[in-house]
Amino acid sequence: MAKQKTSKGATETASAFDPILQLQRAGFGNMVGAQAAWLESLGDIGAEVATFVAERIKEDVDTQHQILQCKDMDEVRRIQRDFLQTAVDQYQAETGKLAQMSMDAFKVKEDPLS
C-alpha cells in the first residue's frame, strides 16, 4: 500500500481498491460483485457448450458405428435421416438454452451485500 497526502496535508494509506470504492460511492454500485457474477455466467455458458459438443461427438461416433453395421442402403438412409433430424432438434434446443443463459447473464441482479 502506498501513502498519499490529502488536501489537508494528512497522510493516508492508498489501496488498489480505492478506484473501485470511489466508483461505488459515485453510484456505480457493487462493480466487483457484478463482474464476478458475469464471469461466473460466462463459465456456465462455456461449460454448457463443452457438454453439448461432447454429446454431439458421441452421437456422431454412435451413428458411424450403426452405419458400419448396416446390411442395405435403405437402412443407411434411415440412420442418416434420423441422425440429421436429431442434430437439428438438439442444435435448436441448445441455441435457445444458450440464448436464455446469455440473457440471464446480463440481467441486473440485486446486490447480495445490501
PDB file of N, CA and C in Angstrom:
ATOM      1  N   MET A   1       0.832  -1.184   0.000  1.00  0.00           N
ATOM      2  CA  MET A   1       0.000   0.000   0.000  1.00  0.00           C
ATOM      3  C   MET A   1       0.873   1.243   0.000  1.00  0.00           C
ATOM      4  N   ALA A   2       0.450   2.215  -0.746  1.00  0.00           N
ATOM      5  CA  ALA A   2       1.207   3.457  -0.852  1.00  0.00           C
ATOM      6  C   ALA A   2       0.585   4.515   0.042  1.00  0.00           C
ATOM      7  N   LYS A   3       1.438   5.439   0.487  1.00  0.00           N
ATOM      8  CA  LYS A   3       0.947   6.546   1.300  1.00  0.00           C
ATOM      9  C   LYS A   3       0.722   7.750   0.398  1.00  0.00           C
ATOM     10  N   GLN A   4      -0.400   8.435   0.607  1.00  0.00           N
ATOM     11  CA  GLN A   4      -0.726   9.619  -0.181  1.00  0.00           C
ATOM     12  C   GLN A   4      -1.020  10.778   0.757  1.00  0.00           C
ATOM     13  N   LYS A   5      -0.716  11.988   0.295  1.00  0.00           N
ATOM     14  CA  LYS A   5      -1.056  13.182   1.070  1.00  0.00           C
ATOM     15  C   LYS A   5      -2.421  13.679   0.633  1.00  0.00           C
ATOM     16  N   THR A   6      -3.265  13.994   1.579  1.00  0.00           N
ATOM     17  CA  THR A   6      -4.583  14.546   1.272  1.00  0.00           C
ATOM     18  C   THR A   6      -4.461  16.052   1.092  1.00  0.00           C
ATOM     19  N   SER A   7      -5.579  16.660   0.704  1.00  0.00           N
ATOM     20  CA  SER A   7      -5.580  18.117   0.501  1.00  0.00           C
ATOM     21  C   SER A   7      -5.316  18.863   1.808  1.00  0.00           C
ATOM     22  N   LYS A   8      -5.536  18.228   2.938  1.00  0.00           N
ATOM     23  CA  LYS A   8      -5.309  18.861   4.237  1.00  0.00           C
ATOM     24  C   LYS A   8      -3.903  18.584   4.761  1.00  0.00           C
ATOM     25  N   GLY A   9      -3.093  17.850   3.980  1.00  0.00           N
ATOM     26  CA  GLY A   9      -1.723  17.606   4.382  1.00  0.00           C
ATOM     27  C   GLY A   9      -1.542  16.317   5.173  1.00  0.00           C
ATOM     28  N   ALA A  10      -2.620  15.644   5.541  1.00  0.00           N
ATOM     29  CA  ALA A  10      -2.518  14.383   6.285  1.00  0.00           C
ATOM     30  C   ALA A  10      -2.079  13.275   5.347  1.00  0.00           C
ATOM     31  N   THR A  11      -1.531  12.224   5.916  1.00  0.00           N
ATOM     32  CA  THR A  11      -1.093  11.090   5.112  1.00  0.00           C
ATOM     33  C   THR A  11      -2.115   9.970   5.247  1.00  0.00           C
ATOM     34  N   GLU A  12      -2.544   9.402   4.105  1.00  0.00           N
ATOM     35  CA  GLU A  12      -3.499   8.289   4.074  1.00  0.00           C
ATOM     36  C   GLU A  12      -2.835   7.098   3.422  1.00  0.00           C
ATOM     37  N   THR A  13      -3.326   5.926   3.743  1.00  0.00           N
ATOM     38  CA  THR A  13      -2.841   4.726   3.082  1.00  0.00           C
ATOM     39  C   THR A  13      -3.763   4.449   1.901  1.00  0.00           C
ATOM     40  N   ALA A  14      -3.192   4.359   0.699  1.00  0.00           N
ATOM     41  CA  ALA A  14      -3.972   4.093  -0.506  1.00  0.00           C
ATOM     42  C   ALA A  14      -3.910   2.602  -0.825  1.00  0.00           C
ATOM     43  N   SER A  15      -4.999   2.070  -1.271  1.00  0.00           N
ATOM     44  CA  SER A  15      -5.012   0.658  -1.655  1.00  0.00           C
ATOM     45  C   SER A  15      -5.391   0.534  -3.126  1.00  0.00           C
ATOM     46  N   ALA A  16      -5.224  -0.663  -3.635  1.00  0.00           N
ATOM     47  CA  ALA A  16      -5.576  -0.932  -5.034  1.00  0.00           C
ATOM     48  C   ALA A  16      -7.084  -0.834  -5.246  1.00  0.00           C
ATOM     49  N   PHE A  17      -7.862  -0.924  -4.176  1.00  0.00           N
ATOM     50  CA  PHE A  17      -9.320  -0.905  -4.285  1.00  0.00           C
ATOM     51  C   PHE A  17      -9.909   0.501  -4.220  1.00  0.00           C
ATOM     52  N   ASP A  18      -9.077   1.506  -3.980  1.00  0.00           N
ATOM     53  CA  ASP A  18      -9.592   2.869  -3.881  1.00  0.00           C
ATOM     54  C   ASP A  18     -10.367   3.317  -5.115  1.00  0.00           C
ATOM     55  N   PRO A  19      -9.876   3.067  -6.336  1.00  0.00           N
ATOM     56  CA  PRO A  19     -10.662   3.499  -7.511  1.00  0.00           C
ATOM     57  C   PRO A  19     -12.038   2.826  -7.562  1.00  0.00           C
ATOM     58  N   ILE A  20     -12.107   1.550  -7.185  1.00  0.00           N
ATOM     59  CA  ILE A  20     -13.390   0.835  -7.183  1.00  0.00           C
ATOM     60  C   ILE A  20     -14.307   1.428  -6.123  1.00  0.00           C
ATOM     61  N   LEU A  21     -13.762   1.689  -4.953  1.00  0.00           N
ATOM     62  CA  LEU A  21     -14.568   2.277  -3.886  1.00  0.00           C
ATOM     63  C   LEU A  21     -15.086   3.656  -4.290  1.00  0.00           C
ATOM     64  N   GLN A  22     -14.265   4.436  -4.990  1.00  0.00           N
ATOM     65  CA  GLN A  22     -14.700   5.744  -5.455  1.00  0.00           C
ATOM     66  C   GLN A  22     -15.852   5.618  -6.458  1.00  0.00           C
ATOM     67  N   LEU A  23     -15.754   4.632  -7.356  1.00  0.00           N
ATOM     68  CA  LEU A  23     -16.843   4.419  -8.311  1.00  0.00           C
ATOM     69  C   LEU A  23     -18.121   3.996  -7.593  1.00  0.00           C
ATOM     70  N   GLN A  24     -17.983   3.138  -6.577  1.00  0.00           N
ATOM     71  CA  GLN A  24     -19.163   2.713  -5.826  1.00  0.00           C
ATOM     72  C   GLN A  24     -19.811   3.907  -5.131  1.00  0.00           C
ATOM     73  N   ARG A  25     -18.994   4.750  -4.563  1.00  0.00           N
ATOM     74  CA  ARG A  25     -19.527   5.943  -3.892  1.00  0.00           C
ATOM     75  C   ARG A  25     -20.194   6.889  -4.894  1.00  0.00           C
ATOM     76  N   ALA A  26     -19.708   6.876  -6.127  1.00  0.00           N
ATOM     77  CA  ALA A  26     -20.270   7.746  -7.159  1.00  0.00           C
ATOM     78  C   ALA A  26     -21.564   7.184  -7.734  1.00  0.00           C
ATOM     79  N   GLY A  27     -21.971   6.014  -7.290  1.00  0.00           N
ATOM     80  CA  GLY A  27     -23.246   5.465  -7.723  1.00  0.00           C
ATOM     81  C   GLY A  27     -23.152   4.311  -8.700  1.00  0.00           C
ATOM     82  N   PHE A  28     -21.985   3.754  -8.878  1.00  0.00           N
ATOM     83  CA  PHE A  28     -21.854   2.643  -9.808  1.00  0.00           C
ATOM     84  C   PHE A  28     -22.152   1.294  -9.156  1.00  0.00           C
ATOM     85  N   GLY A  29     -22.392   1.272  -7.875  1.00  0.00           N
ATOM     86  CA  GLY A  29     -22.784   0.039  -7.207  1.00  0.00           C
ATOM     87  C   GLY A  29     -21.633  -0.930  -7.040  1.00  0.00           C
ATOM     88  N   ASN A  30     -21.996  -2.137  -6.778  1.00  0.00           N
ATOM     89  CA  ASN A  30     -21.014  -3.181  -6.497  1.00  0.00           C
ATOM     90  C   ASN A  30     -20.471  -3.754  -7.797  1.00  0.00           C
ATOM     91  N   MET A  31     -19.521  -3.043  -8.409  1.00  0.00           N
ATOM     92  CA  MET A  31     -18.972  -3.476  -9.693  1.00  0.00           C
ATOM     93  C   MET A  31     -18.223  -4.798  -9.566  1.00  0.00           C
ATOM     94  N   VAL A  32     -17.534  -4.982  -8.467  1.00  0.00           N
ATOM     95  CA  VAL A  32     -16.773  -6.219  -8.287  1.00  0.00           C
ATOM     96  C   VAL A  32     -17.729  -7.411  -8.259  1.00  0.00           C
ATOM     97  N   GLY A  33     -18.820  -7.282  -7.541  1.00  0.00           N
ATOM     98  CA  GLY A  33     -19.804  -8.361  -7.477  1.00  0.00           C
ATOM     99  C   GLY A  33     -20.449  -8.617  -8.819  1.00  0.00           C
ATOM    100  N   ALA A  34     -20.719  -7.555  -9.556  1.00  0.00           N
ATOM    101  CA  ALA A  34     -21.332  -7.700 -10.880  1.00  0.00           C
ATOM    102  C   ALA A  34     -20.377  -8.392 -11.835  1.00  0.00           C
ATOM    103  N   GLN A  35     -19.109  -8.011 -11.781  1.00  0.00           N
ATOM    104  CA  GLN A  35     -18.125  -8.647 -12.653  1.00  0.00           C
ATOM    105  C   GLN A  35     -17.965 -10.115 -12.302  1.00  0.00           C
ATOM    106  N   ALA A  36     -17.939 -10.435 -11.027  1.00  0.00           N
ATOM    107  CA  ALA A  36     -17.799 -11.830 -10.611  1.00  0.00           C
ATOM    108  C   ALA A  36     -19.000 -12.654 -11.079  1.00  0.00           C
ATOM    109  N   ALA A  37     -20.191 -12.107 -10.935  1.00  0.00           N
ATOM    110  CA  ALA A  37     -21.393 -12.817 -11.379  1.00  0.00           C
ATOM    111  C   ALA A  37     -21.387 -13.011 -12.888  1.00  0.00           C
ATOM    112  N   TRP A  38     -20.945 -11.991 -13.616  1.00  0.00           N
ATOM    113  CA  TRP A  38     -20.893 -12.080 -15.075  1.00  0.00           C
ATOM    114  C   TRP A  38     -19.876 -13.125 -15.505  1.00  0.00           C
ATOM    115  N   LEU A  39     -18.702 -13.135 -14.874  1.00  0.00           N
ATOM    116  CA  LEU A  39     -17.683 -14.132 -15.210  1.00  0.00           C
ATOM    117  C   LEU A  39     -18.158 -15.542 -14.873  1.00  0.00           C
ATOM    118  N   GLU A  40     -18.884 -15.674 -13.785  1.00  0.00           N
ATOM    119  CA  GLU A  40     -19.445 -16.989 -13.428  1.00  0.00           C
ATOM    120  C   GLU A  40     -20.443 -17.441 -14.494  1.00  0.00           C
ATOM    121  N   SER A  41     -21.256 -16.520 -14.975  1.00  0.00           N
ATOM    122  CA  SER A  41     -22.214 -16.850 -16.034  1.00  0.00           C
ATOM    123  C   SER A  41     -21.495 -17.273 -17.311  1.00  0.00           C
ATOM    124  N   LEU A  42     -20.417 -16.569 -17.647  1.00  0.00           N
ATOM    125  CA  LEU A  42     -19.637 -16.946 -18.831  1.00  0.00           C
ATOM    126  C   LEU A  42     -19.047 -18.344 -18.664  1.00  0.00           C
ATOM    127  N   GLY A  43     -18.603 -18.660 -17.467  1.00  0.00           N
ATOM    128  CA  GLY A  43     -18.092 -20.007 -17.193  1.00  0.00           C
ATOM    129  C   GLY A  43     -19.167 -21.058 -17.360  1.00  0.00           C
ATOM    130  N   ASP A  44     -20.378 -20.750 -16.884  1.00  0.00           N
ATOM    131  CA  ASP A  44     -21.501 -21.684 -17.038  1.00  0.00           C
ATOM    132  C   ASP A  44     -21.835 -21.898 -18.512  1.00  0.00           C
ATOM    133  N   ILE A  45     -21.805 -20.827 -19.291  1.00  0.00           N
ATOM    134  CA  ILE A  45     -22.089 -20.929 -20.725  1.00  0.00           C
ATOM    135  C   ILE A  45     -21.013 -21.767 -21.412  1.00  0.00           C
ATOM    136  N   GLY A  46     -19.766 -21.534 -21.064  1.00  0.00           N
ATOM    137  CA  GLY A  46     -18.674 -22.319 -21.632  1.00  0.00           C
ATOM    138  C   GLY A  46     -18.794 -23.791 -21.304  1.00  0.00           C
ATOM    139  N   ALA A  47     -19.158 -24.095 -20.063  1.00  0.00           N
ATOM    140  CA  ALA A  47     -19.342 -25.491 -19.656  1.00  0.00           C
ATOM    141  C   ALA A  47     -20.502 -26.127 -20.415  1.00  0.00           C
ATOM    142  N   GLU A  48     -21.571 -25.362 -20.619  1.00  0.00           N
ATOM    143  CA  GLU A  48     -22.727 -25.866 -21.369  1.00  0.00           C
ATOM    144  C   GLU A  48     -22.336 -26.206 -22.804  1.00  0.00           C
ATOM    145  N   VAL A  49     -21.578 -25.311 -23.428  1.00  0.00           N
ATOM    146  CA  VAL A  49     -21.141 -25.547 -24.808  1.00  0.00           C
ATOM    147  C   VAL A  49     -20.243 -26.785 -24.875  1.00  0.00           C
ATOM    148  N   ALA A  50     -19.321 -26.910 -23.934  1.00  0.00           N
ATOM    149  CA  ALA A  50     -18.416 -28.062 -23.926  1.00  0.00           C
ATOM    150  C   ALA A  50     -19.189 -29.369 -23.748  1.00  0.00           C
ATOM    151  N   THR A  51     -20.174 -29.378 -22.877  1.00  0.00           N
ATOM    152  CA  THR A  51     -21.001 -30.573 -22.668  1.00  0.00           C
ATOM    153  C   THR A  51     -21.784 -30.912 -23.928  1.00  0.00           C
ATOM    154  N   PHE A  52     -22.358 -29.895 -24.557  1.00  0.00           N
ATOM    155  CA  PHE A  52     -23.132 -30.114 -25.776  1.00  0.00           C
ATOM    156  C   PHE A  52     -22.249 -30.695 -26.879  1.00  0.00           C
ATOM    157  N   VAL A  53     -21.071 -30.123 -27.070  1.00  0.00           N
ATOM    158  CA  VAL A  53     -20.162 -30.610 -28.115  1.00  0.00           C
ATOM    159  C   VAL A  53     -19.762 -32.055 -27.830  1.00  0.00           C
ATOM    160  N   ALA A  54     -19.477 -32.372 -26.581  1.00  0.00           N
ATOM    161  CA  ALA A  54     -19.101 -33.748 -26.229  1.00  0.00           C
ATOM    162  C   ALA A  54     -20.242 -34.727 -26.533  1.00  0.00           C
ATOM    163  N   GLU A  55     -21.475 -34.330 -26.232  1.00  0.00           N
ATOM    164  CA  GLU A  55     -22.629 -35.190 -26.523  1.00  0.00           C
ATOM    165  C   GLU A  55     -22.827 -35.366 -28.030  1.00  0.00           C
ATOM    166  N   ARG A  56     -22.625 -34.274 -28.782  1.00  0.00           N
ATOM    167  CA  ARG A  56     -22.768 -34.371 -30.241  1.00  0.00           C
ATOM    168  C   ARG A  56     -21.699 -35.290 -30.836  1.00  0.00           C
ATOM    169  N   ILE A  57     -20.478 -35.221 -30.337  1.00  0.00           N
ATOM    170  CA  ILE A  57     -19.417 -36.100 -30.821  1.00  0.00           C
ATOM    171  C   ILE A  57     -19.764 -37.555 -30.532  1.00  0.00           C
ATOM    172  N   LYS A  58     -20.318 -37.799 -29.350  1.00  0.00           N
ATOM    173  CA  LYS A  58     -20.746 -39.166 -29.008  1.00  0.00           C
ATOM    174  C   LYS A  58     -21.819 -39.648 -29.984  1.00  0.00           C
ATOM    175  N   GLU A  59     -22.765 -38.762 -30.314  1.00  0.00           N
ATOM    176  CA  GLU A  59     -23.811 -39.108 -31.294  1.00  0.00           C
ATOM    177  C   GLU A  59     -23.187 -39.424 -32.654  1.00  0.00           C
ATOM    178  N   ASP A  60     -22.183 -38.642 -33.056  1.00  0.00           N
ATOM    179  CA  ASP A  60     -21.505 -38.881 -34.337  1.00  0.00           C
ATOM    180  C   ASP A  60     -20.860 -40.270 -34.367  1.00  0.00           C
ATOM    181  N   VAL A  61     -20.165 -40.605 -33.294  1.00  0.00           N
ATOM    182  CA  VAL A  61     -19.487 -41.910 -33.220  1.00  0.00           C
ATOM    183  C   VAL A  61     -20.512 -43.044 -33.223  1.00  0.00           C
ATOM    184  N   ASP A  62     -21.581 -42.885 -32.452  1.00  0.00           N
ATOM    185  CA  ASP A  62     -22.634 -43.918 -32.413  1.00  0.00           C
ATOM    186  C   ASP A  62     -23.256 -44.109 -33.797  1.00  0.00           C
ATOM    187  N   THR A  63     -23.486 -43.018 -34.503  1.00  0.00           N
ATOM    188  CA  THR A  63     -24.083 -43.103 -35.839  1.00  0.00           C
ATOM    189  C   THR A  63     -23.147 -43.830 -36.806  1.00  0.00           C
ATOM    190  N   GLN A  64     -21.867 -43.495 -36.746  1.00  0.00           N
ATOM    191  CA  GLN A  64     -20.904 -44.185 -37.617  1.00  0.00           C
ATOM    192  C   GLN A  64     -20.876 -45.682 -37.321  1.00  0.00           C
ATOM    193  N   HIS A  65     -20.967 -46.019 -36.044  1.00  0.00           N
ATOM    194  CA  HIS A  65     -20.999 -47.438 -35.659  1.00  0.00           C
ATOM    195  C   HIS A  65     -22.245 -48.118 -36.238  1.00  0.00           C
ATOM    196  N   GLN A  66     -23.385 -47.455 -36.152  1.00  0.00           N
ATOM    197  CA  GLN A  66     -24.622 -48.023 -36.701  1.00  0.00           C
ATOM    198  C   GLN A  66     -24.513 -48.210 -38.215  1.00  0.00           C
ATOM    199  N   ILE A  67     -23.945 -47.239 -38.902  1.00  0.00           N
ATOM    200  CA  ILE A  67     -23.808 -47.326 -40.363  1.00  0.00           C
ATOM    201  C   ILE A  67     -22.902 -48.489 -40.750  1.00  0.00           C
ATOM    202  N   LEU A  68     -21.848 -48.686 -39.982  1.00  0.00           N
ATOM    203  CA  LEU A  68     -20.939 -49.799 -40.282  1.00  0.00           C
ATOM    204  C   LEU A  68     -21.610 -51.169 -40.130  1.00  0.00           C
ATOM    205  N   GLN A  69     -22.681 -51.224 -39.347  1.00  0.00           N
ATOM    206  CA  GLN A  69     -23.396 -52.475 -39.122  1.00  0.00           C
ATOM    207  C   GLN A  69     -24.527 -52.706 -40.135  1.00  0.00           C
ATOM    208  N   CYS A  70     -24.780 -51.720 -41.004  1.00  0.00           N
ATOM    209  CA  CYS A  70     -25.902 -51.808 -41.948  1.00  0.00           C
ATOM    210  C   CYS A  70     -25.680 -52.907 -42.997  1.00  0.00           C
ATOM    211  N   LYS A  71     -26.820 -53.465 -43.429  1.00  0.00           N
ATOM    212  CA  LYS A  71     -26.769 -54.504 -44.451  1.00  0.00           C
ATOM    213  C   LYS A  71     -27.296 -54.012 -45.801  1.00  0.00           C
ATOM    214  N   ASP A  72     -28.015 -52.876 -45.816  1.00  0.00           N
ATOM    215  CA  ASP A  72     -28.504 -52.326 -47.085  1.00  0.00           C
ATOM    216  C   ASP A  72     -28.578 -50.800 -47.012  1.00  0.00           C
ATOM    217  N   MET A  73     -28.729 -50.204 -48.199  1.00  0.00           N
ATOM    218  CA  MET A  73     -28.702 -48.743 -48.292  1.00  0.00           C
ATOM    219  C   MET A  73     -29.947 -48.082 -47.696  1.00  0.00           C
ATOM    220  N   ASP A  74     -31.066 -48.756 -47.669  1.00  0.00           N
ATOM    221  CA  ASP A  74     -32.261 -48.188 -47.049  1.00  0.00           C
ATOM    222  C   ASP A  74     -32.018 -47.958 -45.555  1.00  0.00           C
ATOM    223  N   GLU A  75     -31.355 -48.887 -44.936  1.00  0.00           N
ATOM    224  CA  GLU A  75     -31.040 -48.754 -43.506  1.00  0.00           C
ATOM    225  C   GLU A  75     -30.052 -47.593 -43.281  1.00  0.00           C
ATOM    226  N   VAL A  76     -29.072 -47.439 -44.167  1.00  0.00           N
ATOM    227  CA  VAL A  76     -28.119 -46.333 -44.076  1.00  0.00           C
ATOM    228  C   VAL A  76     -28.856 -44.997 -44.191  1.00  0.00           C
ATOM    229  N   ARG A  77     -29.753 -44.879 -45.162  1.00  0.00           N
ATOM    230  CA  ARG A  77     -30.512 -43.633 -45.337  1.00  0.00           C
ATOM    231  C   ARG A  77     -31.378 -43.336 -44.121  1.00  0.00           C
ATOM    232  N   ARG A  78     -32.000 -44.354 -43.542  1.00  0.00           N
ATOM    233  CA  ARG A  78     -32.821 -44.152 -42.344  1.00  0.00           C
ATOM    234  C   ARG A  78     -31.964 -43.649 -41.182  1.00  0.00           C
ATOM    235  N   ILE A  79     -30.805 -44.248 -40.986  1.00  0.00           N
ATOM    236  CA  ILE A  79     -29.904 -43.836 -39.902  1.00  0.00           C
ATOM    237  C   ILE A  79     -29.431 -42.405 -40.120  1.00  0.00           C
ATOM    238  N   GLN A  80     -29.071 -42.076 -41.356  1.00  0.00           N
ATOM    239  CA  GLN A  80     -28.623 -40.715 -41.659  1.00  0.00           C
ATOM    240  C   GLN A  80     -29.750 -39.698 -41.462  1.00  0.00           C
ATOM    241  N   ARG A  81     -30.953 -40.062 -41.905  1.00  0.00           N
ATOM    242  CA  ARG A  81     -32.108 -39.168 -41.729  1.00  0.00           C
ATOM    243  C   ARG A  81     -32.366 -38.926 -40.245  1.00  0.00           C
ATOM    244  N   ASP A  82     -32.370 -39.999 -39.457  1.00  0.00           N
ATOM    245  CA  ASP A  82     -32.609 -39.867 -38.016  1.00  0.00           C
ATOM    246  C   ASP A  82     -31.510 -39.038 -37.346  1.00  0.00           C
ATOM    247  N   PHE A  83     -30.279 -39.268 -37.793  1.00  0.00           N
ATOM    248  CA  PHE A  83     -29.155 -38.517 -37.243  1.00  0.00           C
ATOM    249  C   PHE A  83     -29.316 -37.023 -37.509  1.00  0.00           C
ATOM    250  N   LEU A  84     -29.631 -36.675 -38.743  1.00  0.00           N
ATOM    251  CA  LEU A  84     -29.790 -35.264 -39.095  1.00  0.00           C
ATOM    252  C   LEU A  84     -30.955 -34.613 -38.362  1.00  0.00           C
ATOM    253  N   GLN A  85     -32.064 -35.324 -38.247  1.00  0.00           N
ATOM    254  CA  GLN A  85     -33.217 -34.765 -37.535  1.00  0.00           C
ATOM    255  C   GLN A  85     -32.883 -34.547 -36.062  1.00  0.00           C
ATOM    256  N   THR A  86     -32.211 -35.509 -35.457  1.00  0.00           N
ATOM    257  CA  THR A  86     -31.814 -35.374 -34.052  1.00  0.00           C
ATOM    258  C   THR A  86     -30.858 -34.195 -33.887  1.00  0.00           C
ATOM    259  N   ALA A  87     -29.901 -34.060 -34.809  1.00  0.00           N
ATOM    260  CA  ALA A  87     -28.934 -32.961 -34.733  1.00  0.00           C
ATOM    261  C   ALA A  87     -29.643 -31.604 -34.826  1.00  0.00           C
ATOM    262  N   VAL A  88     -30.550 -31.474 -35.768  1.00  0.00           N
ATOM    263  CA  VAL A  88     -31.284 -30.209 -35.922  1.00  0.00           C
ATOM    264  C   VAL A  88     -32.065 -29.893 -34.649  1.00  0.00           C
ATOM    265  N   ASP A  89     -32.767 -30.887 -34.107  1.00  0.00           N
ATOM    266  CA  ASP A  89     -33.550 -30.689 -32.883  1.00  0.00           C
ATOM    267  C   ASP A  89     -32.650 -30.279 -31.716  1.00  0.00           C
ATOM    268  N   GLN A  90     -31.511 -30.964 -31.579  1.00  0.00           N
ATOM    269  CA  GLN A  90     -30.612 -30.669 -30.467  1.00  0.00           C
ATOM    270  C   GLN A  90     -29.967 -29.290 -30.611  1.00  0.00           C
ATOM    271  N   TYR A  91     -29.569 -28.929 -31.828  1.00  0.00           N
ATOM    272  CA  TYR A  91     -28.976 -27.607 -32.035  1.00  0.00           C
ATOM    273  C   TYR A  91     -29.993 -26.501 -31.774  1.00  0.00           C
ATOM    274  N   GLN A  92     -31.238 -26.708 -32.176  1.00  0.00           N
ATOM    275  CA  GLN A  92     -32.270 -25.703 -31.905  1.00  0.00           C
ATOM    276  C   GLN A  92     -32.488 -25.550 -30.404  1.00  0.00           C
ATOM    277  N   ALA A  93     -32.580 -26.669 -29.691  1.00  0.00           N
ATOM    278  CA  ALA A  93     -32.787 -26.615 -28.245  1.00  0.00           C
ATOM    279  C   ALA A  93     -31.598 -25.952 -27.552  1.00  0.00           C
ATOM    280  N   GLU A  94     -30.406 -26.303 -27.994  1.00  0.00           N
ATOM    281  CA  GLU A  94     -29.204 -25.728 -27.372  1.00  0.00           C
ATOM    282  C   GLU A  94     -29.088 -24.236 -27.647  1.00  0.00           C
ATOM    283  N   THR A  95     -29.439 -23.816 -28.842  1.00  0.00           N
ATOM    284  CA  THR A  95     -29.401 -22.393 -29.168  1.00  0.00           C
ATOM    285  C   THR A  95     -30.337 -21.616 -28.250  1.00  0.00           C
ATOM    286  N   GLY A  96     -31.534 -22.144 -28.038  1.00  0.00           N
ATOM    287  CA  GLY A  96     -32.478 -21.498 -27.129  1.00  0.00           C
ATOM    288  C   GLY A  96     -31.949 -21.447 -25.704  1.00  0.00           C
ATOM    289  N   LYS A  97     -31.348 -22.542 -25.268  1.00  0.00           N
ATOM    290  CA  LYS A  97     -30.804 -22.598 -23.908  1.00  0.00           C
ATOM    291  C   LYS A  97     -29.664 -21.593 -23.741  1.00  0.00           C
ATOM    292  N   LEU A  98     -28.762 -21.529 -24.722  1.00  0.00           N
ATOM    293  CA  LEU A  98     -27.640 -20.589 -24.635  1.00  0.00           C
ATOM    294  C   LEU A  98     -28.113 -19.139 -24.720  1.00  0.00           C
ATOM    295  N   ALA A  99     -29.127 -18.890 -25.530  1.00  0.00           N
ATOM    296  CA  ALA A  99     -29.680 -17.534 -25.610  1.00  0.00           C
ATOM    297  C   ALA A  99     -30.257 -17.120 -24.256  1.00  0.00           C
ATOM    298  N   GLN A 100     -30.976 -18.027 -23.616  1.00  0.00           N
ATOM    299  CA  GLN A 100     -31.550 -17.728 -22.302  1.00  0.00           C
ATOM    300  C   GLN A 100     -30.451 -17.512 -21.266  1.00  0.00           C
ATOM    301  N   MET A 101     -29.432 -18.358 -21.288  1.00  0.00           N
ATOM    302  CA  MET A 101     -28.316 -18.199 -20.350  1.00  0.00           C
ATOM    303  C   MET A 101     -27.613 -16.857 -20.567  1.00  0.00           C
ATOM    304  N   SER A 102     -27.471 -16.455 -21.819  1.00  0.00           N
ATOM    305  CA  SER A 102     -26.829 -15.173 -22.126  1.00  0.00           C
ATOM    306  C   SER A 102     -27.672 -14.007 -21.623  1.00  0.00           C
ATOM    307  N   MET A 103     -28.976 -14.079 -21.832  1.00  0.00           N
ATOM    308  CA  MET A 103     -29.854 -13.006 -21.347  1.00  0.00           C
ATOM    309  C   MET A 103     -29.820 -12.947 -19.821  1.00  0.00           C
ATOM    310  N   ASP A 104     -29.811 -14.115 -19.176  1.00  0.00           N
ATOM    311  CA  ASP A 104     -29.758 -14.149 -17.714  1.00  0.00           C
ATOM    312  C   ASP A 104     -28.448 -13.551 -17.196  1.00  0.00           C
ATOM    313  N   ALA A 105     -27.363 -13.735 -17.948  1.00  0.00           N
ATOM    314  CA  ALA A 105     -26.066 -13.206 -17.520  1.00  0.00           C
ATOM    315  C   ALA A 105     -26.070 -11.686 -17.481  1.00  0.00           C
ATOM    316  N   PHE A 106     -26.888 -11.051 -18.307  1.00  0.00           N
ATOM    317  CA  PHE A 106     -26.910  -9.599 -18.373  1.00  0.00           C
ATOM    318  C   PHE A 106     -28.039  -8.966 -17.568  1.00  0.00           C
ATOM    319  N   LYS A 107     -28.857  -9.790 -16.922  1.00  0.00           N
ATOM    320  CA  LYS A 107     -29.914  -9.231 -16.081  1.00  0.00           C
ATOM    321  C   LYS A 107     -29.296  -8.597 -14.850  1.00  0.00           C
ATOM    322  N   VAL A 108     -29.882  -7.504 -14.419  1.00  0.00           N
ATOM    323  CA  VAL A 108     -29.414  -6.830 -13.215  1.00  0.00           C
ATOM    324  C   VAL A 108     -29.925  -7.627 -12.028  1.00  0.00           C
ATOM    325  N   LYS A 109     -28.982  -8.055 -11.205  1.00  0.00           N
ATOM    326  CA  LYS A 109     -29.342  -8.825 -10.022  1.00  0.00           C
ATOM    327  C   LYS A 109     -29.223  -7.929  -8.812  1.00  0.00           C
ATOM    328  N   GLU A 110     -30.007  -8.266  -7.789  1.00  0.00           N
ATOM    329  CA  GLU A 110     -29.935  -7.486  -6.554  1.00  0.00           C
ATOM    330  C   GLU A 110     -28.576  -7.687  -5.912  1.00  0.00           C
ATOM    331  N   ASP A 111     -28.090  -6.646  -5.278  1.00  0.00           N
ATOM    332  CA  ASP A 111     -26.813  -6.702  -4.595  1.00  0.00           C
ATOM    333  C   ASP A 111     -26.987  -7.538  -3.322  1.00  0.00           C
ATOM    334  N   PRO A 112     -26.313  -8.694  -3.220  1.00  0.00           N
ATOM    335  CA  PRO A 112     -26.471  -9.518  -2.024  1.00  0.00           C
ATOM    336  C   PRO A 112     -25.893  -8.866  -0.785  1.00  0.00           C
ATOM    337  N   LEU A 113     -25.058  -7.836  -0.941  1.00  0.00           N
ATOM    338  CA  LEU A 113     -24.446  -7.181   0.205  1.00  0.00           C
ATOM    339  C   LEU A 113     -25.301  -6.062   0.763  1.00  0.00           C
ATOM    340  N   SER A 114     -26.371  -5.688   0.041  1.00  0.00           N
ATOM    341  CA  SER A 114     -27.191  -4.556   0.521  1.00  0.00           C
ATOM    342  C   SER A 114     -28.363  -5.036   1.327  1.00  0.00           C
TER     343      SER A 114
END
